[in-house]
Amino acid sequence: MVASGPVDTLSAVKVRTFFAAAAFLTTMSWSMLAFARTTSDFAYPVDKVWNASVRLVRVDLGCALGDRDTDAGYFMFEYADGAHRYPGSLEIVRARVEGRDGVRVVVQIPAMPSYVERMILDRLGRKLIDEFGEPAPIPTPPPRESQRRDARDDHAGHDDEDDDDQQGDHRRSDRQRDNDSVEEDAPRERNQPARPND
């Protein structure tokens, strides 16, 4: 015989709690997907990145462009995946990149996996290099006055050490010459016959 009553009610509550938790987690994961975005920094001027981005999305990827605002630095597009179209956006924000003026590009396609956004940014990076070459090298800041003074002092110290070394070399060569002449004189004195004392 199967028991009924409080045990059945407890099982029903557990099942309902499980499904409510699963629905909550599913909703949260979808809302987190909606806020997902992928970014990359590029050390190129805003106008070059804007033009390359529009050409990449419209021409290279074949996406339809929607709203766009050059001053605000964004445009909307429809990413095509087979027969399906998914809304997306690309935003360009001025930023400092490795100590120089550049941009941060933000791509969002909420309904697609993040690797699609990363693919668009990677292609944009390659397109910028292909069309405009490598970004300008990072400018090195001029040395501060105190660093220049230290460098001069270090250089002057090395010159003094070099002078000391050169003077030491001269002193050694003088001593060596003296020793050589003493050694040359010594054998002659030994080989000479003894003189009778007068």
N, C-alpha and C. Protein backbone atom coordinates (compact mmCIF):
# COMPACT_ATOMS: atom_id res chain seq x y z
N MET A 1 0.83 -1.15 0.00
CA MET A 1 0.00 0.00 0.00
C MET A 1 0.90 1.24 0.00
N VAL A 2 0.55 2.29 -0.76
CA VAL A 2 1.31 3.52 -0.89
C VAL A 2 0.79 4.52 0.12
N ALA A 3 1.75 5.17 0.81
CA ALA A 3 1.34 6.16 1.81
C ALA A 3 1.01 7.47 1.12
N SER A 4 0.03 8.13 1.59
CA SER A 4 -0.33 9.45 1.08
C SER A 4 -0.46 10.39 2.25
N GLY A 5 -0.53 11.66 1.94
CA GLY A 5 -0.66 12.63 3.03
C GLY A 5 0.51 13.58 3.06
N PRO A 6 1.11 13.79 4.26
CA PRO A 6 2.16 14.79 4.42
C PRO A 6 3.40 14.51 3.57
N VAL A 7 3.73 13.25 3.31
CA VAL A 7 4.90 12.92 2.52
C VAL A 7 4.71 13.38 1.07
N ASP A 8 3.53 13.17 0.50
CA ASP A 8 3.23 13.61 -0.86
C ASP A 8 3.30 15.13 -0.97
N THR A 9 2.81 15.83 0.02
CA THR A 9 2.83 17.29 0.02
C THR A 9 4.27 17.79 0.04
N LEU A 10 5.12 17.15 0.85
CA LEU A 10 6.51 17.54 0.94
C LEU A 10 7.22 17.32 -0.41
N SER A 11 6.95 16.23 -1.08
CA SER A 11 7.54 15.96 -2.39
C SER A 11 7.08 16.98 -3.42
N ALA A 12 5.84 17.34 -3.38
CA ALA A 12 5.29 18.32 -4.32
C ALA A 12 5.95 19.68 -4.10
N VAL A 13 6.19 20.06 -2.87
CA VAL A 13 6.84 21.34 -2.55
C VAL A 13 8.28 21.32 -3.08
N LYS A 14 8.98 20.21 -2.91
CA LYS A 14 10.35 20.09 -3.40
C LYS A 14 10.40 20.22 -4.92
N VAL A 15 9.46 19.58 -5.60
CA VAL A 15 9.43 19.63 -7.06
C VAL A 15 9.14 21.06 -7.52
N ARG A 16 8.16 21.71 -6.90
CA ARG A 16 7.84 23.10 -7.27
C ARG A 16 9.02 24.03 -7.00
N THR A 17 9.71 23.84 -5.89
CA THR A 17 10.88 24.66 -5.55
C THR A 17 12.00 24.45 -6.57
N PHE A 18 12.20 23.21 -6.96
CA PHE A 18 13.22 22.91 -7.96
C PHE A 18 12.93 23.63 -9.27
N PHE A 19 11.70 23.52 -9.76
CA PHE A 19 11.35 24.15 -11.03
C PHE A 19 11.38 25.68 -10.92
N ALA A 20 11.01 26.23 -9.80
CA ALA A 20 11.07 27.69 -9.62
C ALA A 20 12.54 28.16 -9.64
N ALA A 21 13.42 27.40 -9.00
CA ALA A 21 14.84 27.76 -8.99
C ALA A 21 15.42 27.65 -10.40
N ALA A 22 15.04 26.60 -11.12
CA ALA A 22 15.53 26.44 -12.49
C ALA A 22 15.05 27.58 -13.38
N ALA A 23 13.79 27.98 -13.23
CA ALA A 23 13.26 29.09 -14.03
C ALA A 23 13.98 30.39 -13.67
N PHE A 24 14.25 30.61 -12.39
CA PHE A 24 14.96 31.82 -11.96
C PHE A 24 16.37 31.85 -12.55
N LEU A 25 17.10 30.75 -12.48
CA LEU A 25 18.46 30.69 -13.02
C LEU A 25 18.47 30.88 -14.53
N THR A 26 17.50 30.33 -15.22
CA THR A 26 17.41 30.51 -16.67
C THR A 26 17.17 31.97 -17.01
N THR A 27 16.27 32.61 -16.28
CA THR A 27 16.00 34.04 -16.51
C THR A 27 17.24 34.88 -16.24
N MET A 28 17.92 34.57 -15.17
CA MET A 28 19.13 35.33 -14.83
C MET A 28 20.21 35.15 -15.90
N SER A 29 20.39 33.93 -16.39
CA SER A 29 21.43 33.70 -17.41
C SER A 29 21.09 34.43 -18.69
N TRP A 30 19.80 34.50 -19.08
CA TRP A 30 19.42 35.25 -20.28
C TRP A 30 19.64 36.74 -20.09
N SER A 31 19.33 37.25 -18.90
CA SER A 31 19.54 38.68 -18.67
C SER A 31 21.03 39.01 -18.62
N MET A 32 21.85 38.09 -18.12
CA MET A 32 23.29 38.32 -18.10
C MET A 32 23.84 38.30 -19.52
N LEU A 33 23.27 37.45 -20.38
CA LEU A 33 23.68 37.42 -21.78
C LEU A 33 23.40 38.75 -22.45
N ALA A 34 22.30 39.38 -22.08
CA ALA A 34 21.92 40.65 -22.70
C ALA A 34 22.93 41.74 -22.37
N PHE A 35 23.61 41.63 -21.24
CA PHE A 35 24.58 42.65 -20.86
C PHE A 35 26.00 42.30 -21.29
N ALA A 36 26.15 41.13 -21.90
CA ALA A 36 27.49 40.72 -22.35
C ALA A 36 27.96 41.64 -23.47
N ARG A 37 29.24 41.94 -23.46
CA ARG A 37 29.83 42.75 -24.51
C ARG A 37 31.32 42.46 -24.55
N THR A 38 31.90 42.69 -25.71
CA THR A 38 33.32 42.41 -25.90
C THR A 38 34.00 43.70 -26.34
N THR A 39 35.17 43.97 -25.78
CA THR A 39 35.88 45.21 -26.09
C THR A 39 37.30 44.93 -26.53
N SER A 40 37.84 45.88 -27.31
CA SER A 40 39.26 45.87 -27.69
C SER A 40 39.72 47.31 -27.81
N ASP A 41 40.99 47.53 -27.50
CA ASP A 41 41.59 48.86 -27.63
C ASP A 41 42.47 48.90 -28.87
N PHE A 42 42.39 50.02 -29.59
CA PHE A 42 43.19 50.20 -30.80
C PHE A 42 43.88 51.56 -30.73
N ALA A 43 45.16 51.60 -31.08
CA ALA A 43 45.94 52.85 -31.04
C ALA A 43 45.88 53.57 -32.39
N TYR A 44 44.67 53.83 -32.85
CA TYR A 44 44.44 54.55 -34.10
C TYR A 44 43.49 55.70 -33.82
N PRO A 45 43.50 56.74 -34.66
CA PRO A 45 42.57 57.85 -34.48
C PRO A 45 41.12 57.40 -34.67
N VAL A 46 40.21 58.13 -34.03
CA VAL A 46 38.79 57.79 -34.06
C VAL A 46 38.26 57.70 -35.49
N ASP A 47 38.59 58.68 -36.34
CA ASP A 47 38.02 58.69 -37.69
C ASP A 47 38.45 57.46 -38.50
N LYS A 48 39.68 57.01 -38.35
CA LYS A 48 40.13 55.82 -39.08
C LYS A 48 39.40 54.57 -38.58
N VAL A 49 39.23 54.46 -37.27
CA VAL A 49 38.54 53.29 -36.71
C VAL A 49 37.06 53.31 -37.11
N TRP A 50 36.45 54.49 -37.10
CA TRP A 50 35.04 54.61 -37.50
C TRP A 50 34.85 54.13 -38.94
N ASN A 51 35.65 54.65 -39.86
CA ASN A 51 35.52 54.28 -41.27
C ASN A 51 35.77 52.79 -41.49
N ALA A 52 36.81 52.26 -40.86
CA ALA A 52 37.12 50.84 -41.02
C ALA A 52 36.01 49.97 -40.42
N SER A 53 35.42 50.39 -39.31
CA SER A 53 34.35 49.62 -38.67
C SER A 53 33.12 49.56 -39.56
N VAL A 54 32.72 50.70 -40.10
CA VAL A 54 31.54 50.73 -40.96
C VAL A 54 31.77 49.85 -42.19
N ARG A 55 32.94 49.97 -42.81
CA ARG A 55 33.23 49.15 -43.99
C ARG A 55 33.27 47.66 -43.65
N LEU A 56 33.85 47.31 -42.50
CA LEU A 56 33.92 45.91 -42.08
C LEU A 56 32.51 45.33 -41.92
N VAL A 57 31.68 46.02 -41.15
CA VAL A 57 30.35 45.48 -40.85
C VAL A 57 29.46 45.48 -42.09
N ARG A 58 29.47 46.56 -42.85
CA ARG A 58 28.56 46.66 -44.00
C ARG A 58 29.06 45.88 -45.21
N VAL A 59 30.33 46.04 -45.57
CA VAL A 59 30.84 45.44 -46.80
C VAL A 59 31.37 44.03 -46.55
N ASP A 60 32.31 43.90 -45.62
CA ASP A 60 32.97 42.61 -45.42
C ASP A 60 32.03 41.56 -44.82
N LEU A 61 31.24 41.96 -43.80
CA LEU A 61 30.35 41.00 -43.16
C LEU A 61 28.96 40.97 -43.80
N GLY A 62 28.63 41.97 -44.61
CA GLY A 62 27.33 42.01 -45.29
C GLY A 62 26.16 42.26 -44.38
N CYS A 63 26.37 42.96 -43.28
CA CYS A 63 25.28 43.25 -42.33
C CYS A 63 24.57 44.53 -42.74
N ALA A 64 23.27 44.56 -42.48
CA ALA A 64 22.50 45.78 -42.73
C ALA A 64 22.76 46.75 -41.58
N LEU A 65 23.01 48.01 -41.92
CA LEU A 65 23.25 49.03 -40.89
C LEU A 65 21.93 49.69 -40.51
N GLY A 66 21.82 50.02 -39.25
CA GLY A 66 20.63 50.72 -38.75
C GLY A 66 21.01 52.12 -38.32
N ASP A 67 20.53 52.52 -37.14
CA ASP A 67 20.83 53.84 -36.61
C ASP A 67 22.33 54.01 -36.47
N ARG A 68 22.79 55.22 -36.75
CA ARG A 68 24.20 55.52 -36.52
C ARG A 68 24.35 56.99 -36.19
N ASP A 69 25.33 57.25 -35.33
CA ASP A 69 25.61 58.61 -34.91
C ASP A 69 27.13 58.75 -34.83
N THR A 70 27.68 59.47 -35.80
CA THR A 70 29.13 59.64 -35.85
C THR A 70 29.64 60.40 -34.63
N ASP A 71 28.91 61.43 -34.22
CA ASP A 71 29.35 62.24 -33.07
C ASP A 71 29.35 61.43 -31.78
N ALA A 72 28.33 60.62 -31.59
CA ALA A 72 28.26 59.79 -30.38
C ALA A 72 29.14 58.55 -30.52
N GLY A 73 29.50 58.18 -31.74
CA GLY A 73 30.42 57.08 -31.97
C GLY A 73 29.81 55.70 -31.89
N TYR A 74 28.61 55.51 -32.43
CA TYR A 74 28.03 54.17 -32.43
C TYR A 74 27.20 53.96 -33.69
N PHE A 75 26.99 52.69 -34.03
CA PHE A 75 26.00 52.35 -35.04
C PHE A 75 25.41 50.99 -34.70
N MET A 76 24.18 50.80 -35.16
CA MET A 76 23.45 49.55 -34.97
C MET A 76 23.55 48.75 -36.26
N PHE A 77 23.49 47.44 -36.14
CA PHE A 77 23.52 46.58 -37.33
C PHE A 77 22.77 45.30 -37.04
N GLU A 78 22.49 44.55 -38.08
CA GLU A 78 21.85 43.24 -37.96
C GLU A 78 22.86 42.19 -38.41
N TYR A 79 23.31 41.38 -37.46
CA TYR A 79 24.27 40.33 -37.77
C TYR A 79 23.53 39.15 -38.39
N ALA A 80 23.98 38.72 -39.54
CA ALA A 80 23.33 37.62 -40.25
C ALA A 80 24.03 36.31 -39.94
N ASP A 81 23.25 35.33 -39.49
CA ASP A 81 23.76 33.98 -39.25
C ASP A 81 22.80 33.03 -39.98
N GLY A 82 23.16 32.69 -41.20
CA GLY A 82 22.27 31.90 -42.04
C GLY A 82 21.05 32.74 -42.39
N ALA A 83 19.87 32.21 -42.13
CA ALA A 83 18.63 32.94 -42.43
C ALA A 83 18.24 33.87 -41.28
N HIS A 84 18.88 33.73 -40.16
CA HIS A 84 18.51 34.52 -38.99
C HIS A 84 19.30 35.82 -38.94
N ARG A 85 18.64 36.84 -38.41
CA ARG A 85 19.29 38.15 -38.23
C ARG A 85 19.18 38.52 -36.75
N TYR A 86 20.32 38.98 -36.20
CA TYR A 86 20.37 39.32 -34.78
C TYR A 86 20.84 40.76 -34.63
N PRO A 87 20.14 41.55 -33.80
CA PRO A 87 20.55 42.95 -33.63
C PRO A 87 21.88 43.05 -32.87
N GLY A 88 22.69 44.02 -33.30
CA GLY A 88 23.97 44.24 -32.66
C GLY A 88 24.32 45.72 -32.70
N SER A 89 25.35 46.06 -31.95
CA SER A 89 25.82 47.46 -31.96
C SER A 89 27.33 47.48 -31.87
N LEU A 90 27.89 48.55 -32.39
CA LEU A 90 29.33 48.79 -32.31
C LEU A 90 29.51 50.21 -31.84
N GLU A 91 30.28 50.38 -30.77
CA GLU A 91 30.50 51.69 -30.16
C GLU A 91 32.00 51.99 -30.13
N ILE A 92 32.35 53.22 -30.45
CA ILE A 92 33.75 53.65 -30.45
C ILE A 92 33.90 54.77 -29.43
N VAL A 93 34.79 54.57 -28.46
CA VAL A 93 34.99 55.52 -27.37
C VAL A 93 36.45 55.94 -27.36
N ARG A 94 36.71 57.24 -27.25
CA ARG A 94 38.09 57.71 -27.14
C ARG A 94 38.71 57.17 -25.85
N ALA A 95 39.99 56.74 -25.95
CA ALA A 95 40.67 56.18 -24.78
C ALA A 95 42.18 56.35 -24.96
N ARG A 96 42.90 56.23 -23.85
CA ARG A 96 44.37 56.20 -23.89
C ARG A 96 44.77 54.74 -24.05
N VAL A 97 45.56 54.48 -25.09
CA VAL A 97 46.01 53.12 -25.37
C VAL A 97 47.53 53.12 -25.33
N GLU A 98 48.09 52.43 -24.35
CA GLU A 98 49.54 52.34 -24.19
C GLU A 98 50.20 53.72 -24.18
N GLY A 99 49.60 54.65 -23.47
CA GLY A 99 50.19 55.98 -23.32
C GLY A 99 49.97 56.92 -24.49
N ARG A 100 49.07 56.61 -25.39
CA ARG A 100 48.81 57.50 -26.52
C ARG A 100 47.32 57.52 -26.81
N ASP A 101 46.89 58.47 -27.65
CA ASP A 101 45.48 58.58 -28.00
C ASP A 101 45.07 57.40 -28.86
N GLY A 102 43.92 56.85 -28.57
CA GLY A 102 43.39 55.74 -29.33
C GLY A 102 41.91 55.60 -29.05
N VAL A 103 41.38 54.41 -29.25
CA VAL A 103 39.95 54.16 -29.03
C VAL A 103 39.74 52.80 -28.39
N ARG A 104 38.59 52.69 -27.73
CA ARG A 104 38.09 51.40 -27.25
C ARG A 104 36.85 51.10 -28.07
N VAL A 105 36.82 49.93 -28.68
CA VAL A 105 35.67 49.52 -29.50
C VAL A 105 34.89 48.47 -28.72
N VAL A 106 33.58 48.69 -28.62
CA VAL A 106 32.70 47.79 -27.89
C VAL A 106 31.70 47.19 -28.88
N VAL A 107 31.66 45.87 -28.96
CA VAL A 107 30.71 45.18 -29.84
C VAL A 107 29.75 44.38 -28.97
N GLN A 108 28.45 44.51 -29.28
CA GLN A 108 27.42 43.75 -28.57
C GLN A 108 26.48 43.10 -29.56
N ILE A 109 26.35 41.80 -29.44
CA ILE A 109 25.32 41.05 -30.17
C ILE A 109 24.73 40.10 -29.11
N PRO A 110 23.74 40.56 -28.35
CA PRO A 110 23.27 39.81 -27.18
C PRO A 110 22.80 38.39 -27.47
N ALA A 111 22.24 38.13 -28.62
CA ALA A 111 21.69 36.81 -28.90
C ALA A 111 22.74 35.82 -29.39
N MET A 112 23.96 36.28 -29.62
CA MET A 112 25.00 35.40 -30.14
C MET A 112 26.06 35.14 -29.07
N PRO A 113 26.81 34.06 -29.20
CA PRO A 113 27.91 33.80 -28.26
C PRO A 113 28.98 34.89 -28.38
N SER A 114 29.74 35.07 -27.31
CA SER A 114 30.72 36.16 -27.29
C SER A 114 31.84 35.97 -28.31
N TYR A 115 32.07 34.74 -28.78
CA TYR A 115 33.13 34.54 -29.77
C TYR A 115 32.81 35.24 -31.09
N VAL A 116 31.53 35.50 -31.37
CA VAL A 116 31.17 36.23 -32.59
C VAL A 116 31.61 37.69 -32.45
N GLU A 117 31.38 38.27 -31.28
CA GLU A 117 31.84 39.64 -31.03
C GLU A 117 33.36 39.71 -31.11
N ARG A 118 34.05 38.72 -30.52
CA ARG A 118 35.52 38.69 -30.55
C ARG A 118 36.02 38.56 -31.99
N MET A 119 35.33 37.77 -32.82
CA MET A 119 35.72 37.60 -34.23
C MET A 119 35.63 38.94 -34.96
N ILE A 120 34.57 39.71 -34.69
CA ILE A 120 34.41 41.01 -35.35
C ILE A 120 35.55 41.94 -34.95
N LEU A 121 35.88 41.97 -33.67
CA LEU A 121 36.97 42.84 -33.21
C LEU A 121 38.32 42.39 -33.76
N ASP A 122 38.55 41.10 -33.83
CA ASP A 122 39.81 40.61 -34.40
C ASP A 122 39.93 41.00 -35.87
N ARG A 123 38.83 40.87 -36.61
CA ARG A 123 38.85 41.25 -38.02
C ARG A 123 39.05 42.76 -38.17
N LEU A 124 38.48 43.53 -37.26
CA LEU A 124 38.68 44.98 -37.30
C LEU A 124 40.15 45.31 -37.07
N GLY A 125 40.79 44.65 -36.12
CA GLY A 125 42.21 44.87 -35.87
C GLY A 125 43.06 44.56 -37.09
N ARG A 126 42.78 43.45 -37.76
CA ARG A 126 43.53 43.10 -38.98
C ARG A 126 43.26 44.11 -40.10
N LYS A 127 42.01 44.56 -40.20
CA LYS A 127 41.65 45.53 -41.24
C LYS A 127 42.40 46.85 -41.02
N LEU A 128 42.48 47.30 -39.78
CA LEU A 128 43.21 48.54 -39.48
C LEU A 128 44.67 48.42 -39.88
N ILE A 129 45.29 47.29 -39.57
CA ILE A 129 46.70 47.09 -39.93
C ILE A 129 46.86 47.02 -41.44
N ASP A 130 45.95 46.30 -42.11
CA ASP A 130 46.03 46.17 -43.57
C ASP A 130 45.87 47.52 -44.27
N GLU A 131 44.95 48.34 -43.79
CA GLU A 131 44.65 49.60 -44.47
C GLU A 131 45.55 50.76 -44.05
N PHE A 132 45.96 50.77 -42.78
CA PHE A 132 46.71 51.93 -42.27
C PHE A 132 48.10 51.59 -41.76
N GLY A 133 48.46 50.32 -41.78
CA GLY A 133 49.76 49.92 -41.26
C GLY A 133 49.73 49.79 -39.74
N GLU A 134 50.87 49.42 -39.20
CA GLU A 134 50.99 49.30 -37.74
C GLU A 134 50.78 50.67 -37.10
N PRO A 135 50.22 50.71 -35.89
CA PRO A 135 50.09 52.01 -35.22
C PRO A 135 51.45 52.63 -34.95
N ALA A 136 51.46 53.93 -34.80
CA ALA A 136 52.72 54.64 -34.53
C ALA A 136 53.35 54.08 -33.26
N PRO A 137 54.69 54.04 -33.21
CA PRO A 137 55.34 53.51 -32.00
C PRO A 137 55.02 54.37 -30.79
N ILE A 138 55.13 53.75 -29.64
CA ILE A 138 54.85 54.45 -28.39
C ILE A 138 55.90 55.53 -28.20
N PRO A 139 55.46 56.78 -28.01
CA PRO A 139 56.45 57.84 -27.83
C PRO A 139 57.16 57.69 -26.49
N THR A 140 58.47 57.87 -26.52
CA THR A 140 59.22 57.82 -25.27
C THR A 140 59.30 59.23 -24.72
N PRO A 141 58.95 59.40 -23.46
CA PRO A 141 58.98 60.75 -22.89
C PRO A 141 60.41 61.24 -22.78
N PRO A 142 60.63 62.55 -23.00
CA PRO A 142 61.99 63.08 -22.85
C PRO A 142 62.43 62.93 -21.41
N PRO A 143 63.71 62.69 -21.18
CA PRO A 143 64.17 62.53 -19.79
C PRO A 143 64.00 63.83 -19.02
N ARG A 144 63.69 63.67 -17.77
CA ARG A 144 63.56 64.85 -16.92
C ARG A 144 64.95 65.44 -16.66
N GLU A 145 64.98 66.68 -16.26
CA GLU A 145 66.25 67.38 -16.04
C GLU A 145 67.12 66.64 -15.04
N SER A 146 66.51 66.12 -13.97
CA SER A 146 67.31 65.42 -12.97
C SER A 146 67.92 64.15 -13.55
N GLN A 147 67.19 63.46 -14.44
CA GLN A 147 67.75 62.27 -15.08
C GLN A 147 68.90 62.65 -16.00
N ARG A 148 68.75 63.78 -16.71
CA ARG A 148 69.84 64.21 -17.61
C ARG A 148 71.08 64.55 -16.79
N ARG A 149 70.88 65.23 -15.65
CA ARG A 149 72.01 65.59 -14.79
C ARG A 149 72.70 64.34 -14.27
N ASP A 150 71.90 63.35 -13.84
CA ASP A 150 72.47 62.10 -13.34
C ASP A 150 73.26 61.40 -14.43
N ALA A 151 72.73 61.41 -15.64
CA ALA A 151 73.42 60.76 -16.76
C ALA A 151 74.74 61.47 -17.03
N ARG A 152 74.73 62.81 -16.99
CA ARG A 152 75.98 63.55 -17.21
C ARG A 152 76.97 63.25 -16.11
N ASP A 153 76.51 63.21 -14.85
CA ASP A 153 77.40 62.91 -13.74
C ASP A 153 77.97 61.51 -13.87
N ASP A 154 77.12 60.55 -14.25
CA ASP A 154 77.60 59.18 -14.44
C ASP A 154 78.63 59.13 -15.55
N HIS A 155 78.34 59.83 -16.63
CA HIS A 155 79.26 59.84 -17.77
C HIS A 155 80.58 60.50 -17.37
N ALA A 156 80.49 61.61 -16.62
CA ALA A 156 81.71 62.29 -16.18
C ALA A 156 82.49 61.39 -15.23
N GLY A 157 81.80 60.65 -14.37
CA GLY A 157 82.48 59.73 -13.47
C GLY A 157 83.21 58.65 -14.23
N HIS A 158 82.57 58.17 -15.29
CA HIS A 158 83.24 57.15 -16.11
C HIS A 158 84.46 57.73 -16.80
N ASP A 159 84.37 58.99 -17.24
CA ASP A 159 85.52 59.62 -17.86
C ASP A 159 86.67 59.72 -16.87
N ASP A 160 86.34 60.11 -15.61
CA ASP A 160 87.39 60.20 -14.59
C ASP A 160 88.02 58.83 -14.35
N GLU A 161 87.18 57.79 -14.30
CA GLU A 161 87.71 56.45 -14.10
C GLU A 161 88.59 56.05 -15.27
N ASP A 162 88.17 56.42 -16.49
CA ASP A 162 88.98 56.11 -17.66
C ASP A 162 90.32 56.82 -17.58
N ASP A 163 90.28 58.10 -17.16
CA ASP A 163 91.53 58.85 -17.01
C ASP A 163 92.43 58.20 -15.97
N ASP A 164 91.82 57.77 -14.83
CA ASP A 164 92.61 57.10 -13.80
C ASP A 164 93.22 55.82 -14.35
N ASP A 165 92.43 55.06 -15.11
CA ASP A 165 92.94 53.82 -15.69
C ASP A 165 94.08 54.11 -16.64
N GLN A 166 93.92 55.14 -17.47
CA GLN A 166 94.98 55.46 -18.42
C GLN A 166 96.24 55.90 -17.69
N GLN A 167 96.07 56.72 -16.63
CA GLN A 167 97.25 57.15 -15.87
C GLN A 167 97.91 55.95 -15.20
N GLY A 168 97.08 55.05 -14.69
CA GLY A 168 97.64 53.84 -14.09
C GLY A 168 98.40 53.02 -15.11
N ASP A 169 97.87 52.93 -16.34
CA ASP A 169 98.56 52.20 -17.40
C ASP A 169 99.91 52.85 -17.69
N HIS A 170 99.94 54.19 -17.72
CA HIS A 170 101.21 54.88 -17.97
C HIS A 170 102.19 54.60 -16.84
N ARG A 171 101.70 54.63 -15.59
CA ARG A 171 102.59 54.37 -14.47
C ARG A 171 103.15 52.96 -14.54
N ARG A 172 102.26 52.00 -14.89
CA ARG A 172 102.73 50.62 -15.00
C ARG A 172 103.77 50.48 -16.10
N SER A 173 103.55 51.13 -17.23
CA SER A 173 104.50 51.00 -18.33
C SER A 173 105.83 51.66 -17.96
N ASP A 174 105.79 52.77 -17.20
CA ASP A 174 107.03 53.39 -16.75
C ASP A 174 107.78 52.44 -15.82
N ARG A 175 107.07 51.83 -14.89
CA ARG A 175 107.71 50.88 -13.97
C ARG A 175 108.25 49.69 -14.72
N GLN A 176 107.47 49.23 -15.69
CA GLN A 176 107.92 48.08 -16.48
C GLN A 176 109.20 48.42 -17.23
N ARG A 177 109.26 49.63 -17.80
CA ARG A 177 110.47 50.04 -18.51
C ARG A 177 111.65 50.09 -17.55
N ASP A 178 111.44 50.63 -16.36
CA ASP A 178 112.51 50.69 -15.37
C ASP A 178 112.99 49.30 -15.00
N ASN A 179 112.02 48.38 -14.79
CA ASN A 179 112.40 47.01 -14.43
C ASN A 179 113.15 46.34 -15.56
N ASP A 180 112.68 46.58 -16.78
CA ASP A 180 113.36 45.97 -17.94
C ASP A 180 114.80 46.49 -18.03
N SER A 181 115.01 47.79 -17.83
CA SER A 181 116.37 48.33 -17.94
C SER A 181 117.24 47.82 -16.81
N VAL A 182 116.68 47.61 -15.62
CA VAL A 182 117.46 47.07 -14.51
C VAL A 182 117.87 45.65 -14.84
N GLU A 183 116.91 44.86 -15.39
CA GLU A 183 117.24 43.48 -15.73
C GLU A 183 118.28 43.42 -16.84
N GLU A 184 118.24 44.34 -17.77
CA GLU A 184 119.23 44.36 -18.85
C GLU A 184 120.60 44.73 -18.30
N ASP A 185 120.64 45.66 -17.35
CA ASP A 185 121.92 46.09 -16.77
C ASP A 185 122.52 44.99 -15.88
N ALA A 186 121.72 44.28 -15.20
CA ALA A 186 122.22 43.29 -14.26
C ALA A 186 123.06 42.22 -14.94
N PRO A 187 122.66 41.64 -16.03
CA PRO A 187 123.52 40.60 -16.62
C PRO A 187 124.85 41.18 -17.08
N ARG A 188 124.88 42.38 -17.57
CA ARG A 188 126.16 42.94 -18.00
C ARG A 188 127.10 43.06 -16.83
N GLU A 189 126.59 43.44 -15.68
CA GLU A 189 127.45 43.59 -14.52
C GLU A 189 128.01 42.24 -14.10
N ARG A 190 127.20 41.16 -14.23
CA ARG A 190 127.66 39.83 -13.86
C ARG A 190 128.71 39.31 -14.84
N ASN A 191 128.52 39.60 -16.11
CA ASN A 191 129.43 39.05 -17.12
C ASN A 191 130.75 39.83 -17.22
N GLN A 192 130.85 40.96 -16.62
CA GLN A 192 132.07 41.73 -16.70
C GLN A 192 133.12 41.15 -15.76
N PRO A 193 134.36 41.07 -16.22
CA PRO A 193 135.42 40.56 -15.35
C PRO A 193 135.66 41.52 -14.20
N ALA A 194 136.04 40.96 -13.14
CA ALA A 194 136.31 41.79 -11.97
C ALA A 194 137.53 42.66 -12.24
N ARG A 195 137.47 43.88 -11.89
CA ARG A 195 138.57 44.80 -12.09
C ARG A 195 139.49 44.76 -10.87
N PRO A 196 140.74 44.79 -11.17
CA PRO A 196 141.65 44.86 -10.02
C PRO A 196 141.53 46.20 -9.33
N ASN A 197 141.65 46.13 -8.08
CA ASN A 197 141.53 47.37 -7.30
C ASN A 197 142.79 48.17 -7.48
N ASP A 198 142.70 49.30 -7.73
CA ASP A 198 143.85 50.16 -7.91
C ASP A 198 144.33 50.68 -6.62
